[in-house]
C-alpha atoms as a PDB file:
ATOM      1  CA  MET A   1       0.000   0.000   0.000  1.00  0.00           C
ATOM      2  CA  SER A   2       1.241   3.467  -0.839  1.00  0.00           C
ATOM      3  CA  VAL A   3      -1.051   6.402  -0.156  1.00  0.00           C
ATOM      4  CA  THR A   4      -0.520  10.090  -0.741  1.00  0.00           C
ATOM      5  CA  VAL A   5      -1.426  12.269   2.223  1.00  0.00           C
ATOM      6  CA  SER A   6      -2.146  15.878   1.262  1.00  0.00           C
ATOM      7  CA  LYS A   7      -1.587  18.187   4.206  1.00  0.00           C
ATOM      8  CA  PHE A   8      -3.604  21.365   3.946  1.00  0.00           C
ATOM      9  CA  ILE A   9      -2.145  24.545   5.464  1.00  0.00           C
ATOM     10  CA  ASP A  10      -4.380  25.381   8.403  1.00  0.00           C
ATOM     11  CA  VAL A  11      -5.016  28.486  10.444  1.00  0.00           C
ATOM     12  CA  SER A  12      -4.204  27.068  13.888  1.00  0.00           C
ATOM     13  CA  GLU A  13      -0.997  29.129  14.014  1.00  0.00           C
ATOM     14  CA  GLY A  14      -2.762  32.248  12.729  1.00  0.00           C
ATOM     15  CA  LEU A  15      -3.182  33.700   9.250  1.00  0.00           C
ATOM     16  CA  GLN A  16      -0.544  32.705   6.708  1.00  0.00           C
ATOM     17  CA  PRO A  17       0.036  32.836   2.958  1.00  0.00           C
ATOM     18  CA  ASN A  18      -1.768  30.144   0.951  1.00  0.00           C
ATOM     19  CA  GLN A  19      -3.820  28.967   3.931  1.00  0.00           C
ATOM     20  CA  PHE A  20      -6.467  26.375   3.071  1.00  0.00           C
ATOM     21  CA  SER A  21      -4.335  25.038   0.188  1.00  0.00           C
ATOM     22  CA  VAL A  22      -2.171  21.922   0.120  1.00  0.00           C
ATOM     23  CA  GLY A  23       1.163  22.683   1.738  1.00  0.00           C
ATOM     24  CA  ASP A  24       2.937  19.334   1.715  1.00  0.00           C
ATOM     25  CA  ARG A  25       2.347  15.858   0.408  1.00  0.00           C
ATOM     26  CA  GLU A  26       3.829  12.701   1.825  1.00  0.00           C
ATOM     27  CA  GLN A  27       3.622   9.012   1.028  1.00  0.00           C
ATOM     28  CA  ILE A  28       2.661   6.551   3.731  1.00  0.00           C
ATOM     29  CA  SER A  29       2.797   2.790   3.399  1.00  0.00           C
ATOM     30  CA  SER A  30       0.132   2.022   6.022  1.00  0.00           C
ATOM     31  CA  ILE A  31      -2.668   3.709   7.937  1.00  0.00           C
ATOM     32  CA  SER A  32      -0.561   3.123  11.032  1.00  0.00           C
ATOM     33  CA  ASP A  33       1.962   5.589   9.528  1.00  0.00           C
ATOM     34  CA  LEU A  34      -0.625   8.383   9.555  1.00  0.00           C
ATOM     35  CA  ASP A  35       0.179  11.197  11.969  1.00  0.00           C
ATOM     36  CA  PRO A  36      -1.510  10.444  15.347  1.00  0.00           C
ATOM     37  CA  THR A  37      -3.092  13.926  15.197  1.00  0.00           C
ATOM     38  CA  TYR A  38      -5.345  12.540  12.460  1.00  0.00           C
ATOM     39  CA  ARG A  39      -5.412   8.825  13.259  1.00  0.00           C
ATOM     40  CA  GLN A  40      -7.118   9.704  16.568  1.00  0.00           C
ATOM     41  CA  LEU A  41     -10.096  10.944  14.544  1.00  0.00           C
ATOM     42  CA  MET A  42     -10.405   7.441  13.093  1.00  0.00           C
ATOM     43  CA  ASP A  43     -10.172   5.774  16.488  1.00  0.00           C
ATOM     44  CA  LYS A  44     -12.581   7.937  18.477  1.00  0.00           C
ATOM     45  CA  PRO A  45     -16.353   7.433  18.223  1.00  0.00           C
ATOM     46  CA  ILE A  46     -16.788  10.398  15.870  1.00  0.00           C
ATOM     47  CA  ALA A  47     -19.442  10.082  13.187  1.00  0.00           C
ATOM     48  CA  CYS A  48     -18.159  10.484   9.660  1.00  0.00           C
ATOM     49  CA  VAL A  49     -19.920  11.684   6.535  1.00  0.00           C
ATOM     50  CA  MET A  50     -19.799   9.244   3.630  1.00  0.00           C
ATOM     51  CA  ALA A  51     -20.288  10.485   0.063  1.00  0.00           C
ATOM     52  CA  VAL A  52     -21.390   8.127  -2.707  1.00  0.00           C
ATOM     53  CA  MET A  53     -22.828   8.927  -6.121  1.00  0.00           C
ATOM     54  CA  GLY A  54     -26.594   8.647  -5.928  1.00  0.00           C
ATOM     55  CA  GLY A  55     -28.951   7.357  -8.578  1.00  0.00           C
ATOM     56  CA  ASP A  56     -29.530  10.865  -9.939  1.00  0.00           C
ATOM     57  CA  GLY A  57     -25.797  11.428 -10.507  1.00  0.00           C
ATOM     58  CA  ARG A  58     -25.347  13.746  -7.538  1.00  0.00           C
ATOM     59  CA  PRO A  59     -23.324  12.997  -4.396  1.00  0.00           C
ATOM     60  CA  ASN A  60     -25.374  11.476  -1.598  1.00  0.00           C
ATOM     61  CA  LEU A  61     -24.082  12.303   1.882  1.00  0.00           C
ATOM     62  CA  THR A  62     -24.749  10.020   4.828  1.00  0.00           C
ATOM     63  CA  PRO A  63     -23.638  10.438   8.444  1.00  0.00           C
ATOM     64  CA  MET A  64     -22.471   7.093   9.727  1.00  0.00           C
ATOM     65  CA  TRP A  65     -20.079   5.229  11.984  1.00  0.00           C
ATOM     66  CA  PHE A  66     -16.473   4.858  10.852  1.00  0.00           C
ATOM     67  CA  ASP A  67     -14.392   1.696  11.126  1.00  0.00           C
ATOM     68  CA  TYR A  68     -11.230   0.219   9.727  1.00  0.00           C
ATOM     69  CA  GLU A  69      -9.085  -2.888  10.167  1.00  0.00           C
ATOM     70  CA  GLY A  70      -5.420  -2.714   9.281  1.00  0.00           C
ATOM     71  CA  ASP A  71      -5.275  -0.739   6.045  1.00  0.00           C
ATOM     72  CA  LYS A  72      -8.877  -1.392   4.975  1.00  0.00           C
ATOM     73  CA  VAL A  73     -11.775   0.974   5.604  1.00  0.00           C
ATOM     74  CA  LEU A  74     -14.940  -0.964   6.440  1.00  0.00           C
ATOM     75  CA  ILE A  75     -18.413   0.186   5.433  1.00  0.00           C
ATOM     76  CA  ASN A  76     -21.248  -1.860   6.946  1.00  0.00           C
ATOM     77  CA  VAL A  77     -24.682  -1.122   5.478  1.00  0.00           C
ATOM     78  CA  ALA A  78     -28.085  -2.760   5.333  1.00  0.00           C
ATOM     79  CA  ALA A  79     -28.420  -4.775   2.125  1.00  0.00           C
ATOM     80  CA  GLN A  80     -31.848  -3.347   1.201  1.00  0.00           C
ATOM     81  CA  ARG A  81     -30.839   0.341   1.282  1.00  0.00           C
ATOM     82  CA  ARG A  82     -30.429   2.321  -1.928  1.00  0.00           C
ATOM     83  CA  LYS A  83     -26.944   3.445  -0.983  1.00  0.00           C
ATOM     84  CA  THR A  84     -25.839  -0.212  -1.045  1.00  0.00           C
ATOM     85  CA  ASP A  85     -26.640  -0.342  -4.775  1.00  0.00           C
ATOM     86  CA  TRP A  86     -25.093   3.093  -5.319  1.00  0.00           C
ATOM     87  CA  ILE A  87     -21.845   1.841  -3.776  1.00  0.00           C
ATOM     88  CA  ARG A  88     -21.934  -1.206  -6.061  1.00  0.00           C
ATOM     89  CA  ASN A  89     -22.606   0.956  -9.126  1.00  0.00           C
ATOM     90  CA  ASN A  90     -19.788   3.371  -8.328  1.00  0.00           C
ATOM     91  CA  PRO A  91     -17.374   1.879  -5.783  1.00  0.00           C
ATOM     92  CA  GLN A  92     -15.451   5.111  -5.188  1.00  0.00           C
ATOM     93  CA  VAL A  93     -16.409   6.535  -1.793  1.00  0.00           C
ATOM     94  CA  SER A  94     -15.275   9.662   0.039  1.00  0.00           C
ATOM     95  CA  ILE A  95     -15.353   9.954   3.821  1.00  0.00           C
ATOM     96  CA  LEU A  96     -14.931  13.041   6.009  1.00  0.00           C
ATOM     97  CA  ILE A  97     -14.241  12.794   9.734  1.00  0.00           C
ATOM     98  CA  MET A  98     -14.410  16.195  11.443  1.00  0.00           C
ATOM     99  CA  ASN A  99     -13.446  16.827  15.051  1.00  0.00           C
ATOM    100  CA  PRO A 100     -16.742  17.822  16.741  1.00  0.00           C
ATOM    101  CA  GLU A 101     -14.835  20.155  19.054  1.00  0.00           C
ATOM    102  CA  ASN A 102     -12.911  21.937  16.268  1.00  0.00           C
ATOM    103  CA  MET A 103     -14.219  22.063  12.701  1.00  0.00           C
ATOM    104  CA  TYR A 104     -10.740  23.096  11.566  1.00  0.00           C
ATOM    105  CA  HIS A 105      -9.356  19.647  12.443  1.00  0.00           C
ATOM    106  CA  TRP A 106     -10.438  17.010   9.953  1.00  0.00           C
ATOM    107  CA  LEU A 107      -9.435  14.042   7.868  1.00  0.00           C
ATOM    108  CA  SER A 108     -10.751  13.153   4.403  1.00  0.00           C
ATOM    109  CA  ILE A 109     -10.280   9.650   3.009  1.00  0.00           C
ATOM    110  CA  LYS A 110     -10.986   8.538  -0.555  1.00  0.00           C
ATOM    111  CA  VAL A 111     -11.453   4.793  -0.875  1.00  0.00           C
ATOM    112  CA  THR A 112     -12.382   2.188  -3.465  1.00  0.00           C
ATOM    113  CA  VAL A 113     -14.415  -0.904  -2.622  1.00  0.00           C
ATOM    114  CA  GLU A 114     -12.368  -4.036  -3.261  1.00  0.00           C
ATOM    115  CA  ARG A 115     -14.698  -6.644  -1.864  1.00  0.00           C
ATOM    116  CA  GLU A 116     -18.085  -7.157  -0.278  1.00  0.00           C
ATOM    117  CA  VAL A 117     -19.055  -9.754   2.286  1.00  0.00           C
ATOM    118  CA  PHE A 118     -22.676 -10.678   2.971  1.00  0.00           C
ATOM    119  CA  GLU A 119     -23.892 -11.321   6.479  1.00  0.00           C
ATOM    120  CA  ASP A 120     -25.539 -14.569   5.365  1.00  0.00           C
ATOM    121  CA  ASP A 121     -22.343 -15.881   3.755  1.00  0.00           C
ATOM    122  CA  PRO A 122     -21.746 -19.332   5.317  1.00  0.00           C
ATOM    123  CA  ASP A 123     -17.978 -18.806   5.621  1.00  0.00           C
ATOM    124  CA  GLU A 124     -17.540 -15.106   6.421  1.00  0.00           C
ATOM    125  CA  GLY A 125     -20.986 -13.856   7.402  1.00  0.00           C
ATOM    126  CA  GLN A 126     -20.271 -14.027  11.114  1.00  0.00           C
ATOM    127  CA  ARG A 127     -17.450 -11.505  10.600  1.00  0.00           C
ATOM    128  CA  VAL A 128     -19.985  -8.993   9.234  1.00  0.00           C
ATOM    129  CA  THR A 129     -22.154  -9.385  12.326  1.00  0.00           C
ATOM    130  CA  GLU A 130     -19.163  -9.194  14.694  1.00  0.00           C
ATOM    131  CA  GLN A 131     -17.877  -6.016  13.018  1.00  0.00           C
ATOM    132  CA  LEU A 132     -21.340  -4.430  13.280  1.00  0.00           C
ATOM    133  CA  ASN A 133     -21.529  -5.333  16.971  1.00  0.00           C
ATOM    134  CA  ARG A 134     -18.027  -3.936  17.538  1.00  0.00           C
ATOM    135  CA  ILE A 135     -18.863  -0.537  16.052  1.00  0.00           C
ATOM    136  CA  TRP A 136     -22.167  -0.540  17.964  1.00  0.00           C
ATOM    137  CA  ARG A 137     -20.166  -0.834  21.195  1.00  0.00           C
ATOM    138  CA  LYS A 138     -17.685   1.834  20.004  1.00  0.00           C
ATOM    139  CA  TYR A 139     -20.402   4.391  19.199  1.00  0.00           C
ATOM    140  CA  VAL A 140     -23.245   3.503  21.572  1.00  0.00           C
ATOM    141  CA  GLY A 141     -21.322   1.912  24.418  1.00  0.00           C
ATOM    142  CA  GLU A 142     -24.266  -0.139  25.662  1.00  0.00           C
ATOM    143  CA  GLY A 143     -25.100  -3.756  24.993  1.00  0.00           C
ATOM    144  CA  ASP A 144     -23.190  -6.342  23.058  1.00  0.00           C
ATOM    145  CA  GLU A 145     -25.282  -6.483  19.886  1.00  0.00           C
ATOM    146  CA  TYR A 146     -26.278  -3.920  17.281  1.00  0.00           C
ATOM    147  CA  GLY A 147     -29.686  -2.650  18.333  1.00  0.00           C
ATOM    148  CA  LEU A 148     -30.995  -0.782  15.283  1.00  0.00           C
ATOM    149  CA  ARG A 149     -32.040  -3.531  12.882  1.00  0.00           C
ATOM    150  CA  ASP A 150     -35.211  -2.665  11.007  1.00  0.00           C
ATOM    151  CA  PRO A 151     -37.985  -4.638  12.808  1.00  0.00           C
ATOM    152  CA  SER A 152     -40.265  -4.651   9.724  1.00  0.00           C
ATOM    153  CA  ILE A 153     -37.924  -6.862   7.670  1.00  0.00           C
ATOM    154  CA  GLU A 154     -35.275  -9.498   8.163  1.00  0.00           C
ATOM    155  CA  GLU A 155     -32.453  -6.980   7.817  1.00  0.00           C
ATOM    156  CA  ARG A 156     -29.220  -8.399   6.430  1.00  0.00           C
ATOM    157  CA  ARG A 157     -25.957  -6.484   6.317  1.00  0.00           C
ATOM    158  CA  VAL A 158     -23.209  -6.076   3.724  1.00  0.00           C
ATOM    159  CA  LEU A 159     -19.624  -5.252   4.638  1.00  0.00           C
ATOM    160  CA  PHE A 160     -17.657  -3.381   1.993  1.00  0.00           C
ATOM    161  CA  GLU A 161     -13.879  -3.685   2.393  1.00  0.00           C
ATOM    162  CA  CYS A 162     -12.170  -0.655   0.872  1.00  0.00           C
ATOM    163  CA  LYS A 163      -8.605   0.193  -0.039  1.00  0.00           C
ATOM    164  CA  VAL A 164      -7.444   3.696   0.796  1.00  0.00           C
ATOM    165  CA  ASP A 165      -6.606   5.730  -2.335  1.00  0.00           C
ATOM    166  CA  ARG A 166      -5.831   9.176  -0.901  1.00  0.00           C
ATOM    167  CA  ILE A 167      -5.975  11.055   2.380  1.00  0.00           C
ATOM    168  CA  ALA A 168      -6.201  14.787   3.078  1.00  0.00           C
ATOM    169  CA  THR A 169      -5.587  16.311   6.513  1.00  0.00           C
ATOM    170  CA  PHE A 170      -6.254  19.701   8.038  1.00  0.00           C
ATOM    171  CA  GLY A 171      -5.676  21.357  11.397  1.00  0.00           C
ATOM    172  CA  VAL A 172      -4.881  20.284  14.904  1.00  0.00           C
ATOM    173  CA  PRO A 173      -7.120  19.189  17.802  1.00  0.00           C
ATOM    174  CA  GLY A 174      -6.787  22.384  19.844  1.00  0.00           C
END
């Protein structure tokens, strides 16, 4: 894996020439190489905004929970939702994680879906359920199992495994 990280010039140190433009770019070989200032946004229970191309050709934005394993971003969605088909039709996804305490500290990740795993898959389906339960505990902190399944249907989940294409960073926590 080799990913370009574009570091935007921020205003945390005061006004400066070319602020809000890319100042430096660096290559990282793993998400673990990402500066901890930004990796913490991925590890905390901060909702992200996911952008996918909707059926009308415009970006569709969805607030959701963020998760990753190793160098793969994981997107767990209900199989019957429209955005599941939109992701399949155009597997390039953009994600923004913004520090809720400082809007000038954020991380943007562009990913491409490499693989999808169905919850009812006899070999790997349990992994989909376990990942959903794990992010439920991360974001809700109560109970062991995901508690928002649609009661009107037999909701099944799909886990999209995504490779990271590019990352952009901005600001500092303070």
